[in-house]
Amino acid sequence: MWPSSRRLCAHSFSRYLQAFFYRKRHILPLGGEEFLCVLPQTKADDAIVLAKQIQQDLLRHPVHINEQSFTLFVSVGVSEISHSDSIDSAIKQADENLYLAKTSGKNKVCGV
């Protein structure tokens, strides 16, 4: 895939996330092709269910760019923050879980 196509796919995925979560969640780009989705008052198990739903949606609806069709795959790392945790520790845990998801193969979700 050409770099410009990758960028367009990432942009398309960003728009998808914004529509999927609508105003209930916060989507923050972390650079490149990574996003942080903050899901207030959502348990890790529920976030994993949402991540798997996103994966299924992406498989059913490829992105079309310049007369080409691209199926997007997403690896997801999930963490849950409690009142005693810091945001930094939750992000670190999510990042570690994302690394596990990426090294486990394509289109994986790893969480606590």
Foldseek 3Di string as FASTA:
>chain_A
DDPVVQVVVLVVVVVVVCVLCPPQWDWADPDRNDIDIGHPPDDQVRVLVVLVVSQVVLQVDFDADPNDTHRDWDEWFAEDDDPPDDPVVRVVNRVVQSVVRVVVDIRYYGYD
